[in-house]
N, C-alpha and C. Protein backbone atom coordinates (compact mmCIF):
# COMPACT_ATOMS: atom_id res chain seq x y z
N MET A 1 20.70 20.26 7.89
CA MET A 1 20.54 18.83 8.10
C MET A 1 19.07 18.47 8.35
N LYS A 2 18.35 19.32 9.08
CA LYS A 2 16.95 19.05 9.36
C LYS A 2 16.15 18.99 8.07
N SER A 3 16.45 19.89 7.13
CA SER A 3 15.68 19.90 5.88
C SER A 3 15.95 18.65 5.06
N LEU A 4 17.18 18.14 5.10
CA LEU A 4 17.50 16.91 4.37
C LEU A 4 16.70 15.74 4.93
N THR A 5 16.62 15.64 6.24
CA THR A 5 15.85 14.58 6.88
C THR A 5 14.37 14.71 6.54
N PHE A 6 13.86 15.94 6.58
CA PHE A 6 12.46 16.18 6.25
C PHE A 6 12.15 15.75 4.82
N TYR A 7 13.00 16.14 3.87
CA TYR A 7 12.75 15.80 2.47
C TYR A 7 12.90 14.30 2.22
N SER A 8 13.80 13.65 2.91
CA SER A 8 13.93 12.19 2.79
C SER A 8 12.67 11.51 3.28
N LEU A 9 12.15 11.99 4.39
CA LEU A 9 10.93 11.43 4.94
C LEU A 9 9.74 11.70 4.02
N LEU A 10 9.69 12.90 3.46
CA LEU A 10 8.62 13.27 2.55
C LEU A 10 8.65 12.40 1.30
N LEU A 11 9.84 12.15 0.77
CA LEU A 11 9.95 11.28 -0.41
C LEU A 11 9.49 9.86 -0.11
N SER A 12 9.76 9.38 1.08
CA SER A 12 9.33 8.02 1.43
C SER A 12 7.81 7.93 1.49
N LEU A 13 7.14 9.03 1.80
CA LEU A 13 5.69 9.04 1.84
C LEU A 13 5.08 8.87 0.46
N PHE A 14 5.76 9.34 -0.55
CA PHE A 14 5.22 9.32 -1.90
C PHE A 14 5.77 8.15 -2.71
N SER A 15 6.29 7.17 -2.02
CA SER A 15 6.74 5.98 -2.73
C SER A 15 5.52 5.23 -3.27
N CYS A 16 5.75 4.40 -4.23
CA CYS A 16 4.65 3.72 -4.90
C CYS A 16 3.92 2.77 -3.96
N ALA A 17 4.18 1.50 -4.08
CA ALA A 17 3.43 0.52 -3.30
C ALA A 17 4.34 -0.60 -2.83
N THR A 18 3.92 -1.25 -1.77
CA THR A 18 4.62 -2.44 -1.27
C THR A 18 3.60 -3.57 -1.15
N SER A 19 4.10 -4.79 -1.16
CA SER A 19 3.20 -5.93 -1.01
C SER A 19 3.86 -7.00 -0.16
N ASN A 20 3.01 -7.77 0.50
CA ASN A 20 3.45 -8.90 1.32
C ASN A 20 2.53 -10.07 1.08
N GLN A 21 3.12 -11.24 0.98
CA GLN A 21 2.32 -12.45 0.80
C GLN A 21 1.87 -12.96 2.16
N VAL A 22 0.62 -13.38 2.23
CA VAL A 22 0.08 -14.01 3.44
C VAL A 22 -0.63 -15.29 3.04
N ILE A 23 -0.68 -16.22 3.96
CA ILE A 23 -1.35 -17.50 3.72
C ILE A 23 -2.61 -17.53 4.58
N GLY A 24 -3.75 -17.78 3.93
CA GLY A 24 -5.02 -17.86 4.64
C GLY A 24 -5.14 -19.15 5.42
N PRO A 25 -6.17 -19.27 6.27
CA PRO A 25 -6.37 -20.46 7.09
C PRO A 25 -6.54 -21.73 6.27
N ASP A 26 -7.01 -21.58 5.01
CA ASP A 26 -7.20 -22.75 4.16
C ASP A 26 -5.98 -23.06 3.29
N GLY A 27 -4.88 -22.30 3.50
CA GLY A 27 -3.66 -22.53 2.74
C GLY A 27 -3.56 -21.71 1.46
N THR A 28 -4.57 -20.90 1.16
CA THR A 28 -4.58 -20.07 -0.04
C THR A 28 -3.64 -18.89 0.12
N GLU A 29 -2.89 -18.57 -0.95
CA GLU A 29 -1.99 -17.43 -0.93
C GLU A 29 -2.74 -16.15 -1.31
N TYR A 30 -2.50 -15.11 -0.53
CA TYR A 30 -3.07 -13.79 -0.78
C TYR A 30 -1.94 -12.77 -0.76
N GLN A 31 -2.22 -11.60 -1.27
CA GLN A 31 -1.26 -10.50 -1.23
C GLN A 31 -1.91 -9.32 -0.51
N ILE A 32 -1.16 -8.70 0.38
CA ILE A 32 -1.59 -7.45 0.98
C ILE A 32 -0.77 -6.35 0.33
N VAL A 33 -1.45 -5.40 -0.29
CA VAL A 33 -0.79 -4.32 -1.01
C VAL A 33 -1.06 -3.02 -0.25
N ASN A 34 0.01 -2.28 0.06
CA ASN A 34 -0.10 -1.01 0.77
C ASN A 34 0.44 0.11 -0.12
N CYS A 35 -0.25 1.25 -0.13
CA CYS A 35 0.20 2.36 -0.97
C CYS A 35 -0.37 3.68 -0.47
N GLU A 36 0.13 4.77 -1.04
CA GLU A 36 -0.35 6.10 -0.69
C GLU A 36 -1.45 6.57 -1.63
N LYS A 37 -1.52 5.99 -2.82
CA LYS A 37 -2.55 6.35 -3.80
C LYS A 37 -3.19 5.06 -4.30
N GLU A 38 -4.49 5.08 -4.41
CA GLU A 38 -5.23 3.87 -4.80
C GLU A 38 -4.75 3.30 -6.13
N ARG A 39 -4.46 4.15 -7.09
CA ARG A 39 -4.00 3.66 -8.40
C ARG A 39 -2.68 2.92 -8.30
N HIS A 40 -1.83 3.30 -7.33
CA HIS A 40 -0.57 2.58 -7.14
C HIS A 40 -0.82 1.18 -6.61
N CYS A 41 -1.84 1.02 -5.74
CA CYS A 41 -2.19 -0.31 -5.24
C CYS A 41 -2.67 -1.20 -6.39
N ARG A 42 -3.51 -0.64 -7.25
CA ARG A 42 -4.02 -1.42 -8.38
C ARG A 42 -2.89 -1.83 -9.32
N LYS A 43 -1.97 -0.92 -9.56
CA LYS A 43 -0.83 -1.21 -10.44
C LYS A 43 0.06 -2.29 -9.83
N GLU A 44 0.33 -2.19 -8.53
CA GLU A 44 1.16 -3.19 -7.84
C GLU A 44 0.47 -4.56 -7.84
N ALA A 45 -0.83 -4.59 -7.59
CA ALA A 45 -1.57 -5.85 -7.59
C ALA A 45 -1.50 -6.51 -8.97
N LYS A 46 -1.67 -5.72 -10.00
CA LYS A 46 -1.59 -6.25 -11.37
C LYS A 46 -0.19 -6.79 -11.66
N LYS A 47 0.83 -6.09 -11.16
CA LYS A 47 2.21 -6.51 -11.39
C LYS A 47 2.54 -7.82 -10.67
N ILE A 48 2.20 -7.90 -9.39
CA ILE A 48 2.56 -9.11 -8.63
C ILE A 48 1.72 -10.31 -9.03
N CYS A 49 0.52 -10.06 -9.55
CA CYS A 49 -0.34 -11.17 -9.98
C CYS A 49 -0.18 -11.48 -11.47
N LYS A 50 0.70 -10.75 -12.11
CA LYS A 50 0.95 -10.95 -13.55
C LYS A 50 -0.35 -10.83 -14.34
N GLY A 51 -1.14 -9.83 -14.00
CA GLY A 51 -2.38 -9.58 -14.74
C GLY A 51 -3.60 -9.55 -13.84
N ASN A 52 -4.38 -10.60 -13.90
CA ASN A 52 -5.68 -10.62 -13.22
C ASN A 52 -5.56 -10.93 -11.74
N TYR A 53 -6.41 -10.26 -10.98
CA TYR A 53 -6.49 -10.50 -9.54
C TYR A 53 -7.92 -10.22 -9.08
N GLU A 54 -8.24 -10.77 -7.93
CA GLU A 54 -9.54 -10.51 -7.32
C GLU A 54 -9.32 -9.64 -6.09
N LEU A 55 -9.99 -8.50 -6.03
CA LEU A 55 -9.90 -7.60 -4.89
C LEU A 55 -10.87 -8.09 -3.82
N LEU A 56 -10.35 -8.59 -2.72
CA LEU A 56 -11.17 -9.19 -1.68
C LEU A 56 -11.59 -8.21 -0.59
N ASN A 57 -10.71 -7.26 -0.28
CA ASN A 57 -11.01 -6.32 0.79
C ASN A 57 -10.14 -5.08 0.63
N THR A 58 -10.66 -3.94 1.05
CA THR A 58 -9.88 -2.71 1.06
C THR A 58 -10.03 -2.04 2.41
N ASP A 59 -9.02 -1.28 2.77
CA ASP A 59 -9.01 -0.55 4.01
C ASP A 59 -8.26 0.76 3.77
N THR A 60 -8.73 1.83 4.37
CA THR A 60 -8.06 3.12 4.24
C THR A 60 -7.74 3.65 5.62
N GLU A 61 -6.48 4.02 5.83
CA GLU A 61 -6.05 4.60 7.10
C GLU A 61 -5.71 6.07 6.87
N ILE A 62 -6.23 6.93 7.71
CA ILE A 62 -5.95 8.36 7.61
C ILE A 62 -5.30 8.82 8.91
N ASP A 63 -4.11 9.39 8.79
CA ASP A 63 -3.37 9.89 9.96
C ASP A 63 -3.16 11.39 9.77
N SER A 64 -3.90 12.18 10.50
CA SER A 64 -3.81 13.63 10.33
C SER A 64 -2.76 14.27 11.24
N ALA A 65 -2.18 13.51 12.12
CA ALA A 65 -1.18 14.06 13.04
C ALA A 65 0.23 13.64 12.66
N ALA A 66 0.41 13.07 11.50
CA ALA A 66 1.71 12.52 11.12
C ALA A 66 2.80 13.57 11.04
N PHE A 67 2.58 14.65 10.33
CA PHE A 67 3.61 15.67 10.13
C PHE A 67 3.01 17.05 10.29
N ASN A 68 2.97 17.52 11.52
CA ASN A 68 2.47 18.86 11.81
C ASN A 68 1.10 19.12 11.19
N GLY A 69 0.20 18.16 11.30
CA GLY A 69 -1.15 18.33 10.79
C GLY A 69 -1.35 17.94 9.35
N MET A 70 -0.28 17.55 8.66
CA MET A 70 -0.42 17.11 7.27
C MET A 70 -1.05 15.72 7.26
N THR A 71 -2.10 15.55 6.51
CA THR A 71 -2.81 14.28 6.46
C THR A 71 -2.09 13.27 5.57
N VAL A 72 -1.92 12.06 6.09
CA VAL A 72 -1.31 10.97 5.33
C VAL A 72 -2.36 9.86 5.20
N THR A 73 -2.64 9.46 3.97
CA THR A 73 -3.61 8.41 3.71
C THR A 73 -2.89 7.18 3.19
N THR A 74 -3.22 6.03 3.75
CA THR A 74 -2.65 4.76 3.30
C THR A 74 -3.78 3.83 2.91
N PHE A 75 -3.66 3.26 1.72
CA PHE A 75 -4.63 2.28 1.23
C PHE A 75 -4.06 0.89 1.43
N ASN A 76 -4.89 -0.05 1.81
CA ASN A 76 -4.50 -1.45 1.99
C ASN A 76 -5.47 -2.31 1.21
N PHE A 77 -4.94 -3.11 0.29
CA PHE A 77 -5.76 -4.02 -0.52
C PHE A 77 -5.40 -5.46 -0.15
N LEU A 78 -6.40 -6.29 -0.03
CA LEU A 78 -6.19 -7.73 0.08
C LEU A 78 -6.61 -8.32 -1.26
N VAL A 79 -5.67 -8.95 -1.96
CA VAL A 79 -5.97 -9.47 -3.29
C VAL A 79 -5.59 -10.94 -3.38
N LYS A 80 -6.27 -11.63 -4.31
CA LYS A 80 -5.96 -13.02 -4.62
C LYS A 80 -5.67 -13.06 -6.11
N CYS A 81 -4.48 -13.52 -6.43
CA CYS A 81 -4.08 -13.63 -7.84
C CYS A 81 -4.89 -14.73 -8.51
N GLN A 82 -5.21 -14.51 -9.80
CA GLN A 82 -5.98 -15.51 -10.54
C GLN A 82 -5.14 -16.12 -11.63
């Protein structure tokens, strides 16, 4: 049972990308895209924006204590669809 839980958790780490819409102070819609690999963020941004987007900000989070010393990197993109 422990190995099944471990593999389920491991698979969730390698999922593609997720996105959330946010509204800026001026009422402009933006998307925050989170992913494990930078190329997945770019692909998700292109998909949700139906093509062109402007990359406004990026952030990288590195957690080296997540799974017994295994490093987990998360990319965060702030994009504006064009």
